[in-house]
Amino acid sequence: MVTSHCIKRIQERNINIDIEMLEFLCQKSEGKSVAFILGEVKFLDDENYIILIVRNYEAVTIQFRRKSQTITAHALQVEVVSRYPCIF
Protein backbone atom coordinates (compact mmCIF):
# COMPACT_ATOMS: atom_id res chain seq x y z
CA MET A 1 0.00 0.00 0.00
CA VAL A 2 1.18 3.51 -0.78
CA THR A 3 0.35 6.10 1.87
CA SER A 4 -1.17 9.46 1.00
CA HIS A 5 1.97 11.13 2.39
CA CYS A 6 4.11 9.21 -0.09
CA ILE A 7 1.82 10.10 -2.99
CA LYS A 8 1.94 13.75 -1.94
CA ARG A 9 5.78 13.72 -1.92
CA ILE A 10 5.85 12.12 -5.39
CA GLN A 11 3.58 14.85 -6.74
CA GLU A 12 5.49 17.67 -5.01
CA ARG A 13 8.81 16.49 -6.42
CA ASN A 14 7.43 15.59 -9.87
CA ILE A 15 8.83 12.05 -9.66
CA ASN A 16 7.82 9.99 -12.66
CA ILE A 17 7.01 6.57 -11.19
CA ASP A 18 3.99 4.33 -11.50
CA ILE A 19 2.07 3.61 -8.28
CA GLU A 20 1.92 -0.05 -9.30
CA MET A 21 5.73 -0.15 -9.17
CA LEU A 22 5.59 1.17 -5.60
CA GLU A 23 3.01 -1.50 -4.71
CA PHE A 24 5.36 -4.13 -6.18
CA LEU A 25 8.24 -2.84 -4.03
CA CYS A 26 6.01 -2.92 -0.94
CA GLN A 27 5.40 -6.63 -1.58
CA LYS A 28 9.09 -7.22 -2.35
CA SER A 29 9.99 -5.81 1.09
CA GLU A 30 8.50 -8.92 2.75
CA GLY A 31 7.31 -6.82 5.69
CA LYS A 32 10.77 -5.50 6.56
CA SER A 33 11.78 -1.86 6.81
CA VAL A 34 13.54 -1.27 3.51
CA ALA A 35 15.03 1.76 1.77
CA PHE A 36 14.89 1.28 -2.01
CA ILE A 37 17.26 3.47 -3.99
CA LEU A 38 15.20 4.06 -7.12
CA GLY A 39 17.50 6.29 -9.12
CA GLU A 40 19.33 9.59 -9.26
CA VAL A 41 18.24 13.15 -9.96
CA LYS A 42 19.73 16.61 -9.96
CA PHE A 43 17.87 18.74 -7.40
CA LEU A 44 18.87 22.18 -6.11
CA ASP A 45 22.15 22.00 -8.07
CA ASP A 46 23.21 18.81 -6.32
CA GLU A 47 23.20 15.13 -7.31
CA ASN A 48 20.68 13.18 -5.21
CA TYR A 49 19.40 9.65 -4.80
CA ILE A 50 15.65 9.06 -4.89
CA ILE A 51 14.87 6.79 -1.95
CA LEU A 52 11.59 5.03 -1.18
CA ILE A 53 11.07 4.02 2.46
CA VAL A 54 8.84 0.97 3.02
CA ARG A 55 7.75 -0.22 6.46
CA ASN A 56 5.32 -3.10 7.15
CA TYR A 57 4.36 -3.41 3.46
CA GLU A 58 3.58 0.35 3.24
CA ALA A 59 5.42 2.95 1.17
CA VAL A 60 5.59 5.64 3.85
CA THR A 61 7.70 8.29 2.13
CA ILE A 62 9.94 9.06 -0.79
CA GLN A 63 12.89 11.38 -0.35
CA PHE A 64 15.90 12.90 -2.01
CA ARG A 65 19.24 12.39 -0.32
CA ARG A 66 22.47 13.96 -1.52
CA LYS A 67 25.04 11.54 -2.84
CA SER A 68 27.53 13.06 -0.41
CA GLN A 69 25.36 12.00 2.56
CA THR A 70 25.56 8.64 4.27
CA ILE A 71 23.29 6.03 2.70
CA THR A 72 23.22 3.21 5.24
CA ALA A 73 20.44 1.27 6.95
CA HIS A 74 21.31 2.99 10.22
CA ALA A 75 21.25 6.50 8.70
CA LEU A 76 17.89 5.81 7.00
CA GLN A 77 16.47 4.00 10.06
CA VAL A 78 15.64 0.81 8.17
CA GLU A 79 16.75 -2.81 8.27
CA VAL A 80 17.93 -3.06 4.66
CA VAL A 81 19.04 -0.75 1.85
CA SER A 82 18.39 -2.10 -1.63
CA ARG A 83 19.15 -0.65 -5.06
CA TYR A 84 16.21 -1.05 -7.39
CA PRO A 85 16.80 1.32 -10.31
CA CYS A 86 13.50 2.13 -11.97
CA ILE A 87 13.74 5.91 -12.40
CA PHE A 88 16.10 7.17 -15.09
PDB file of N, CA and C in Angstrom:
ATOM      1  N   MET A   1       0.838  -1.181   0.000  1.00  0.00           N
ATOM      2  CA  MET A   1       0.000   0.000   0.000  1.00  0.00           C
ATOM      3  C   MET A   1       0.888   1.251   0.000  1.00  0.00           C
ATOM      4  N   VAL A   2       0.447   2.245  -0.706  1.00  0.00           N
ATOM      5  CA  VAL A   2       1.181   3.506  -0.782  1.00  0.00           C
ATOM      6  C   VAL A   2       0.398   4.542   0.029  1.00  0.00           C
ATOM      7  N   THR A   3       1.039   5.131   1.017  1.00  0.00           N
ATOM      8  CA  THR A   3       0.351   6.100   1.865  1.00  0.00           C
ATOM      9  C   THR A   3       0.103   7.410   1.125  1.00  0.00           C
ATOM     10  N   SER A   4      -0.854   8.166   1.612  1.00  0.00           N
ATOM     11  CA  SER A   4      -1.170   9.459   0.999  1.00  0.00           C
ATOM     12  C   SER A   4       0.015  10.414   1.126  1.00  0.00           C
ATOM     13  N   HIS A   5       0.773  10.296   2.214  1.00  0.00           N
ATOM     14  CA  HIS A   5       1.973  11.126   2.395  1.00  0.00           C
ATOM     15  C   HIS A   5       2.973  10.848   1.278  1.00  0.00           C
ATOM     16  N   CYS A   6       3.169   9.593   0.962  1.00  0.00           N
ATOM     17  CA  CYS A   6       4.114   9.208  -0.090  1.00  0.00           C
ATOM     18  C   CYS A   6       3.643   9.738  -1.443  1.00  0.00           C
ATOM     19  N   ILE A   7       2.366   9.599  -1.731  1.00  0.00           N
ATOM     20  CA  ILE A   7       1.819  10.103  -2.994  1.00  0.00           C
ATOM     21  C   ILE A   7       2.000  11.615  -3.083  1.00  0.00           C
ATOM     22  N   LYS A   8       1.772  12.295  -1.976  1.00  0.00           N
ATOM     23  CA  LYS A   8       1.942  13.750  -1.941  1.00  0.00           C
ATOM     24  C   LYS A   8       3.393  14.132  -2.255  1.00  0.00           C
ATOM     25  N   ARG A   9       4.351  13.432  -1.674  1.00  0.00           N
ATOM     26  CA  ARG A   9       5.777  13.716  -1.919  1.00  0.00           C
ATOM     27  C   ARG A   9       6.139  13.473  -3.388  1.00  0.00           C
ATOM     28  N   ILE A  10       5.596  12.424  -3.981  1.00  0.00           N
ATOM     29  CA  ILE A  10       5.851  12.123  -5.389  1.00  0.00           C
ATOM     30  C   ILE A  10       5.352  13.262  -6.263  1.00  0.00           C
ATOM     31  N   GLN A  11       4.168  13.746  -5.967  1.00  0.00           N
ATOM     32  CA  GLN A  11       3.584  14.849  -6.737  1.00  0.00           C
ATOM     33  C   GLN A  11       4.372  16.142  -6.539  1.00  0.00           C
ATOM     34  N   GLU A  12       4.743  16.445  -5.302  1.00  0.00           N
ATOM     35  CA  GLU A  12       5.495  17.671  -5.011  1.00  0.00           C
ATOM     36  C   GLU A  12       6.833  17.712  -5.733  1.00  0.00           C
ATOM     37  N   ARG A  13       7.469  16.560  -5.832  1.00  0.00           N
ATOM     38  CA  ARG A  13       8.808  16.495  -6.424  1.00  0.00           C
ATOM     39  C   ARG A  13       8.789  16.092  -7.893  1.00  0.00           C
ATOM     40  N   ASN A  14       7.591  15.956  -8.453  1.00  0.00           N
ATOM     41  CA  ASN A  14       7.435  15.588  -9.865  1.00  0.00           C
ATOM     42  C   ASN A  14       8.234  14.336 -10.236  1.00  0.00           C
ATOM     43  N   ILE A  15       8.141  13.316  -9.411  1.00  0.00           N
ATOM     44  CA  ILE A  15       8.834  12.054  -9.658  1.00  0.00           C
ATOM     45  C   ILE A  15       7.963  11.211 -10.579  1.00  0.00           C
ATOM     46  N   ASN A  16       8.548  10.768 -11.665  1.00  0.00           N
ATOM     47  CA  ASN A  16       7.818   9.988 -12.658  1.00  0.00           C
ATOM     48  C   ASN A  16       7.958   8.499 -12.337  1.00  0.00           C
ATOM     49  N   ILE A  17       7.020   7.990 -11.528  1.00  0.00           N
ATOM     50  CA  ILE A  17       7.014   6.569 -11.186  1.00  0.00           C
ATOM     51  C   ILE A  17       5.572   6.112 -11.073  1.00  0.00           C
ATOM     52  N   ASP A  18       5.325   4.902 -11.522  1.00  0.00           N
ATOM     53  CA  ASP A  18       3.995   4.325 -11.495  1.00  0.00           C
ATOM     54  C   ASP A  18       3.681   3.813 -10.089  1.00  0.00           C
ATOM     55  N   ILE A  19       2.480   4.067  -9.613  1.00  0.00           N
ATOM     56  CA  ILE A  19       2.070   3.610  -8.283  1.00  0.00           C
ATOM     57  C   ILE A  19       2.112   2.090  -8.199  1.00  0.00           C
ATOM     58  N   GLU A  20       1.843   1.412  -9.295  1.00  0.00           N
ATOM     59  CA  GLU A  20       1.918  -0.053  -9.303  1.00  0.00           C
ATOM     60  C   GLU A  20       3.339  -0.539  -9.013  1.00  0.00           C
ATOM     61  N   MET A  21       4.339   0.208  -9.468  1.00  0.00           N
ATOM     62  CA  MET A  21       5.732  -0.148  -9.167  1.00  0.00           C
ATOM     63  C   MET A  21       5.975  -0.032  -7.661  1.00  0.00           C
ATOM     64  N   LEU A  22       5.435   1.004  -7.051  1.00  0.00           N
ATOM     65  CA  LEU A  22       5.592   1.167  -5.601  1.00  0.00           C
ATOM     66  C   LEU A  22       4.902   0.029  -4.854  1.00  0.00           C
ATOM     67  N   GLU A  23       3.725  -0.365  -5.322  1.00  0.00           N
ATOM     68  CA  GLU A  23       3.014  -1.500  -4.710  1.00  0.00           C
ATOM     69  C   GLU A  23       3.854  -2.774  -4.824  1.00  0.00           C
ATOM     70  N   PHE A  24       4.485  -2.971  -5.979  1.00  0.00           N
ATOM     71  CA  PHE A  24       5.360  -4.127  -6.177  1.00  0.00           C
ATOM     72  C   PHE A  24       6.513  -4.115  -5.168  1.00  0.00           C
ATOM     73  N   LEU A  25       7.124  -2.943  -4.970  1.00  0.00           N
ATOM     74  CA  LEU A  25       8.239  -2.840  -4.033  1.00  0.00           C
ATOM     75  C   LEU A  25       7.778  -3.067  -2.591  1.00  0.00           C
ATOM     76  N   CYS A  26       6.559  -2.653  -2.280  1.00  0.00           N
ATOM     77  CA  CYS A  26       6.009  -2.917  -0.940  1.00  0.00           C
ATOM     78  C   CYS A  26       5.936  -4.423  -0.695  1.00  0.00           C
ATOM     79  N   GLN A  27       5.474  -5.168  -1.703  1.00  0.00           N
ATOM     80  CA  GLN A  27       5.402  -6.627  -1.578  1.00  0.00           C
ATOM     81  C   GLN A  27       6.796  -7.245  -1.518  1.00  0.00           C
ATOM     82  N   LYS A  28       7.710  -6.717  -2.304  1.00  0.00           N
ATOM     83  CA  LYS A  28       9.085  -7.217  -2.347  1.00  0.00           C
ATOM     84  C   LYS A  28       9.795  -7.034  -1.001  1.00  0.00           C
ATOM     85  N   SER A  29       9.346  -6.085  -0.205  1.00  0.00           N
ATOM     86  CA  SER A  29       9.989  -5.806   1.087  1.00  0.00           C
ATOM     87  C   SER A  29       9.777  -6.923   2.106  1.00  0.00           C
ATOM     88  N   GLU A  30       8.799  -7.786   1.863  1.00  0.00           N
ATOM     89  CA  GLU A  30       8.499  -8.918   2.749  1.00  0.00           C
ATOM     90  C   GLU A  30       8.247  -8.477   4.184  1.00  0.00           C
ATOM     91  N   GLY A  31       7.668  -7.300   4.360  1.00  0.00           N
ATOM     92  CA  GLY A  31       7.312  -6.823   5.693  1.00  0.00           C
ATOM     93  C   GLY A  31       8.437  -6.167   6.468  1.00  0.00           C
ATOM     94  N   LYS A  32       9.625  -6.129   5.892  1.00  0.00           N
ATOM     95  CA  LYS A  32      10.773  -5.501   6.561  1.00  0.00           C
ATOM     96  C   LYS A  32      10.776  -4.002   6.290  1.00  0.00           C
ATOM     97  N   SER A  33      11.543  -3.275   7.077  1.00  0.00           N
ATOM     98  CA  SER A  33      11.778  -1.855   6.814  1.00  0.00           C
ATOM     99  C   SER A  33      12.908  -1.771   5.801  1.00  0.00           C
ATOM    100  N   VAL A  34      12.575  -1.288   4.603  1.00  0.00           N
ATOM    101  CA  VAL A  34      13.537  -1.271   3.506  1.00  0.00           C
ATOM    102  C   VAL A  34      13.601   0.115   2.880  1.00  0.00           C
ATOM    103  N   ALA A  35      14.818   0.546   2.551  1.00  0.00           N
ATOM    104  CA  ALA A  35      15.027   1.759   1.767  1.00  0.00           C
ATOM    105  C   ALA A  35      15.433   1.309   0.364  1.00  0.00           C
ATOM    106  N   PHE A  36      14.593   1.611  -0.620  1.00  0.00           N
ATOM    107  CA  PHE A  36      14.886   1.277  -2.006  1.00  0.00           C
ATOM    108  C   PHE A  36      15.462   2.515  -2.690  1.00  0.00           C
ATOM    109  N   ILE A  37      16.673   2.395  -3.198  1.00  0.00           N
ATOM    110  CA  ILE A  37      17.264   3.473  -3.991  1.00  0.00           C
ATOM    111  C   ILE A  37      16.757   3.282  -5.415  1.00  0.00           C
ATOM    112  N   LEU A  38      15.904   4.209  -5.851  1.00  0.00           N
ATOM    113  CA  LEU A  38      15.203   4.064  -7.124  1.00  0.00           C
ATOM    114  C   LEU A  38      15.935   4.669  -8.306  1.00  0.00           C
ATOM    115  N   GLY A  39      16.796   5.623  -8.039  1.00  0.00           N
ATOM    116  CA  GLY A  39      17.497   6.291  -9.123  1.00  0.00           C
ATOM    117  C   GLY A  39      18.202   7.533  -8.636  1.00  0.00           C
ATOM    118  N   GLU A  40      18.597   8.363  -9.580  1.00  0.00           N
ATOM    119  CA  GLU A  40      19.334   9.586  -9.264  1.00  0.00           C
ATOM    120  C   GLU A  40      18.685  10.764  -9.976  1.00  0.00           C
ATOM    121  N   VAL A  41      18.811  11.942  -9.376  1.00  0.00           N
ATOM    122  CA  VAL A  41      18.240  13.147  -9.962  1.00  0.00           C
ATOM    123  C   VAL A  41      19.061  14.348  -9.508  1.00  0.00           C
ATOM    124  N   LYS A  42      19.097  15.357 -10.359  1.00  0.00           N
ATOM    125  CA  LYS A  42      19.735  16.614  -9.958  1.00  0.00           C
ATOM    126  C   LYS A  42      18.645  17.487  -9.356  1.00  0.00           C
ATOM    127  N   PHE A  43      18.847  17.943  -8.124  1.00  0.00           N
ATOM    128  CA  PHE A  43      17.866  18.741  -7.395  1.00  0.00           C
ATOM    129  C   PHE A  43      18.603  19.805  -6.605  1.00  0.00           C
ATOM    130  N   LEU A  44      18.213  21.057  -6.777  1.00  0.00           N
ATOM    131  CA  LEU A  44      18.875  22.184  -6.106  1.00  0.00           C
ATOM    132  C   LEU A  44      20.379  22.179  -6.369  1.00  0.00           C
ATOM    133  N   ASP A  45      20.746  21.989  -7.631  1.00  0.00           N
ATOM    134  CA  ASP A  45      22.147  22.001  -8.073  1.00  0.00           C
ATOM    135  C   ASP A  45      23.026  20.969  -7.384  1.00  0.00           C
ATOM    136  N   ASP A  46      22.436  19.865  -6.957  1.00  0.00           N
ATOM    137  CA  ASP A  46      23.214  18.806  -6.318  1.00  0.00           C
ATOM    138  C   ASP A  46      22.694  17.457  -6.807  1.00  0.00           C
ATOM    139  N   GLU A  47      23.587  16.487  -6.916  1.00  0.00           N
ATOM    140  CA  GLU A  47      23.201  15.131  -7.311  1.00  0.00           C
ATOM    141  C   GLU A  47      22.598  14.420  -6.102  1.00  0.00           C
ATOM    142  N   ASN A  48      21.412  13.827  -6.298  1.00  0.00           N
ATOM    143  CA  ASN A  48      20.685  13.180  -5.215  1.00  0.00           C
ATOM    144  C   ASN A  48      20.224  11.788  -5.620  1.00  0.00           C
ATOM    145  N   TYR A  49      20.062  10.931  -4.611  1.00  0.00           N
ATOM    146  CA  TYR A  49      19.399   9.652  -4.799  1.00  0.00           C
ATOM    147  C   TYR A  49      17.921   9.842  -4.504  1.00  0.00           C
ATOM    148  N   ILE A  50      17.068   9.113  -5.207  1.00  0.00           N
ATOM    149  CA  ILE A  50      15.651   9.057  -4.893  1.00  0.00           C
ATOM    150  C   ILE A  50      15.456   7.780  -4.087  1.00  0.00           C
ATOM    151  N   ILE A  51      14.961   7.926  -2.864  1.00  0.00           N
ATOM    152  CA  ILE A  51      14.872   6.790  -1.947  1.00  0.00           C
ATOM    153  C   ILE A  51      13.426   6.609  -1.483  1.00  0.00           C
ATOM    154  N   LEU A  52      12.917   5.398  -1.654  1.00  0.00           N
ATOM    155  CA  LEU A  52      11.592   5.031  -1.177  1.00  0.00           C
ATOM    156  C   LEU A  52      11.760   4.280   0.142  1.00  0.00           C
ATOM    157  N   ILE A  53      11.032   4.707   1.170  1.00  0.00           N
ATOM    158  CA  ILE A  53      11.070   4.024   2.462  1.00  0.00           C
ATOM    159  C   ILE A  53       9.790   3.200   2.605  1.00  0.00           C
ATOM    160  N   VAL A  54       9.968   1.892   2.842  1.00  0.00           N
ATOM    161  CA  VAL A  54       8.844   0.969   3.015  1.00  0.00           C
ATOM    162  C   VAL A  54       8.945   0.356   4.409  1.00  0.00           C
ATOM    163  N   ARG A  55       7.828   0.400   5.128  1.00  0.00           N
ATOM    164  CA  ARG A  55       7.748  -0.217   6.461  1.00  0.00           C
ATOM    165  C   ARG A  55       6.444  -1.016   6.541  1.00  0.00           C
ATOM    166  N   ASN A  56       6.515  -2.253   6.988  1.00  0.00           N
ATOM    167  CA  ASN A  56       5.324  -3.098   7.147  1.00  0.00           C
ATOM    168  C   ASN A  56       4.444  -3.103   5.897  1.00  0.00           C
ATOM    169  N   TYR A  57       5.046  -3.337   4.759  1.00  0.00           N
ATOM    170  CA  TYR A  57       4.363  -3.407   3.459  1.00  0.00           C
ATOM    171  C   TYR A  57       3.740  -2.083   3.016  1.00  0.00           C
ATOM    172  N   GLU A  58       4.120  -0.956   3.625  1.00  0.00           N
ATOM    173  CA  GLU A  58       3.580   0.346   3.240  1.00  0.00           C
ATOM    174  C   GLU A  58       4.695   1.275   2.786  1.00  0.00           C
ATOM    175  N   ALA A  59       4.490   1.910   1.637  1.00  0.00           N
ATOM    176  CA  ALA A  59       5.419   2.946   1.169  1.00  0.00           C
ATOM    177  C   ALA A  59       5.082   4.204   1.966  1.00  0.00           C
ATOM    178  N   VAL A  60       5.921   4.537   2.944  1.00  0.00           N
ATOM    179  CA  VAL A  60       5.589   5.637   3.852  1.00  0.00           C
ATOM    180  C   VAL A  60       6.091   6.990   3.372  1.00  0.00           C
ATOM    181  N   THR A  61       7.208   7.016   2.663  1.00  0.00           N
ATOM    182  CA  THR A  61       7.696   8.289   2.129  1.00  0.00           C
ATOM    183  C   THR A  61       8.693   8.040   1.008  1.00  0.00           C
ATOM    184  N   ILE A  62       8.916   9.088   0.248  1.00  0.00           N
ATOM    185  CA  ILE A  62       9.940   9.055  -0.789  1.00  0.00           C
ATOM    186  C   ILE A  62      10.744  10.330  -0.599  1.00  0.00           C
ATOM    187  N   GLN A  63      12.053  10.228  -0.660  1.00  0.00           N
ATOM    188  CA  GLN A  63      12.895  11.378  -0.346  1.00  0.00           C
ATOM    189  C   GLN A  63      14.085  11.473  -1.277  1.00  0.00           C
ATOM    190  N   PHE A  64      14.631  12.670  -1.333  1.00  0.00           N
ATOM    191  CA  PHE A  64      15.901  12.899  -2.012  1.00  0.00           C
ATOM    192  C   PHE A  64      16.974  12.944  -0.948  1.00  0.00           C
ATOM    193  N   ARG A  65      18.102  12.314  -1.227  1.00  0.00           N
ATOM    194  CA  ARG A  65      19.238  12.390  -0.318  1.00  0.00           C
ATOM    195  C   ARG A  65      20.478  12.627  -1.156  1.00  0.00           C
ATOM    196  N   ARG A  66      21.244  13.633  -0.773  1.00  0.00           N
ATOM    197  CA  ARG A  66      22.466  13.962  -1.522  1.00  0.00           C
ATOM    198  C   ARG A  66      23.401  12.758  -1.567  1.00  0.00           C
ATOM    199  N   LYS A  67      24.082  12.637  -2.695  1.00  0.00           N
ATOM    200  CA  LYS A  67      25.043  11.541  -2.836  1.00  0.00           C
ATOM    201  C   LYS A  67      26.174  11.651  -1.820  1.00  0.00           C
ATOM    202  N   SER A  68      26.451  12.857  -1.370  1.00  0.00           N
ATOM    203  CA  SER A  68      27.526  13.063  -0.407  1.00  0.00           C
ATOM    204  C   SER A  68      27.125  12.638   1.008  1.00  0.00           C
ATOM    205  N   GLN A  69      25.824  12.422   1.242  1.00  0.00           N
ATOM    206  CA  GLN A  69      25.363  12.001   2.556  1.00  0.00           C
ATOM    207  C   GLN A  69      25.501  10.490   2.727  1.00  0.00           C
ATOM    208  N   THR A  70      25.467  10.061   3.958  1.00  0.00           N
ATOM    209  CA  THR A  70      25.564   8.641   4.266  1.00  0.00           C
ATOM    210  C   THR A  70      24.276   7.926   3.873  1.00  0.00           C
ATOM    211  N   ILE A  71      24.436   6.844   3.138  1.00  0.00           N
ATOM    212  CA  ILE A  71      23.293   6.033   2.700  1.00  0.00           C
ATOM    213  C   ILE A  71      23.483   4.642   3.298  1.00  0.00           C
ATOM    214  N   THR A  72      23.128   4.502   4.560  1.00  0.00           N
ATOM    215  CA  THR A  72      23.217   3.209   5.242  1.00  0.00           C
ATOM    216  C   THR A  72      21.876   2.906   5.893  1.00  0.00           C
ATOM    217  N   ALA A  73      21.675   1.661   6.264  1.00  0.00           N
ATOM    218  CA  ALA A  73      20.442   1.271   6.945  1.00  0.00           C
ATOM    219  C   ALA A  73      20.277   2.070   8.237  1.00  0.00           C
ATOM    220  N   HIS A  74      21.369   2.238   8.959  1.00  0.00           N
ATOM    221  CA  HIS A  74      21.315   2.987  10.217  1.00  0.00           C
ATOM    222  C   HIS A  74      20.923   4.447   9.977  1.00  0.00           C
ATOM    223  N   ALA A  75      21.531   5.086   8.993  1.00  0.00           N
ATOM    224  CA  ALA A  75      21.246   6.498   8.704  1.00  0.00           C
ATOM    225  C   ALA A  75      19.804   6.696   8.237  1.00  0.00           C
ATOM    226  N   LEU A  76      19.259   5.712   7.522  1.00  0.00           N
ATOM    227  CA  LEU A  76      17.893   5.808   7.005  1.00  0.00           C
ATOM    228  C   LEU A  76      16.860   5.189   7.944  1.00  0.00           C
ATOM    229  N   GLN A  77      17.324   4.627   9.042  1.00  0.00           N
ATOM    230  CA  GLN A  77      16.470   4.000  10.059  1.00  0.00           C
ATOM    231  C   GLN A  77      15.616   2.875   9.479  1.00  0.00           C
ATOM    232  N   VAL A  78      16.287   1.986   8.741  1.00  0.00           N
ATOM    233  CA  VAL A  78      15.641   0.811   8.167  1.00  0.00           C
ATOM    234  C   VAL A  78      16.511  -0.413   8.441  1.00  0.00           C
ATOM    235  N   GLU A  79      15.987  -1.576   8.095  1.00  0.00           N
ATOM    236  CA  GLU A  79      16.753  -2.808   8.268  1.00  0.00           C
ATOM    237  C   GLU A  79      17.682  -3.075   7.087  1.00  0.00           C
ATOM    238  N   VAL A  80      17.217  -2.712   5.881  1.00  0.00           N
ATOM    239  CA  VAL A  80      17.934  -3.060   4.661  1.00  0.00           C
ATOM    240  C   VAL A  80      17.896  -1.893   3.682  1.00  0.00           C
ATOM    241  N   VAL A  81      19.008  -1.694   2.971  1.00  0.00           N
ATOM    242  CA  VAL A  81      19.041  -0.748   1.853  1.00  0.00           C
ATOM    243  C   VAL A  81      19.229  -1.570   0.581  1.00  0.00           C
ATOM    244  N   SER A  82      18.355  -1.338  -0.392  1.00  0.00           N
ATOM    245  CA  SER A  82      18.394  -2.102  -1.633  1.00  0.00           C
ATOM    246  C   SER A  82      18.362  -1.162  -2.824  1.00  0.00           C
ATOM    247  N   ARG A  83      19.191  -1.437  -3.815  1.00  0.00           N
ATOM    248  CA  ARG A  83      19.153  -0.653  -5.062  1.00  0.00           C
ATOM    249  C   ARG A  83      18.174  -1.329  -6.009  1.00  0.00           C
ATOM    250  N   TYR A  84      17.197  -0.550  -6.435  1.00  0.00           N
ATOM    251  CA  TYR A  84      16.215  -1.054  -7.394  1.00  0.00           C
ATOM    252  C   TYR A  84      15.960   0.036  -8.413  1.00  0.00           C
ATOM    253  N   PRO A  85      16.907   0.209  -9.363  1.00  0.00           N
ATOM    254  CA  PRO A  85      16.803   1.323 -10.307  1.00  0.00           C
ATOM    255  C   PRO A  85      15.593   1.192 -11.223  1.00  0.00           C
ATOM    256  N   CYS A  86      14.661   2.121 -11.091  1.00  0.00           N
ATOM    257  CA  CYS A  86      13.500   2.128 -11.970  1.00  0.00           C
ATOM    258  C   CYS A  86      13.116   3.545 -12.380  1.00  0.00           C
ATOM    259  N   ILE A  87      13.932   4.531 -11.975  1.00  0.00           N
ATOM    260  CA  ILE A  87      13.737   5.913 -12.402  1.00  0.00           C
ATOM    261  C   ILE A  87      15.020   6.353 -13.086  1.00  0.00           C
ATOM    262  N   PHE A  88      14.915   6.790 -14.331  1.00  0.00           N
ATOM    263  CA  PHE A  88      16.095   7.168 -15.088  1.00  0.00           C
ATOM    264  C   PHE A  88      15.985   8.580 -15.571  1.00  0.00           C
TER     265      PHE A  88
END
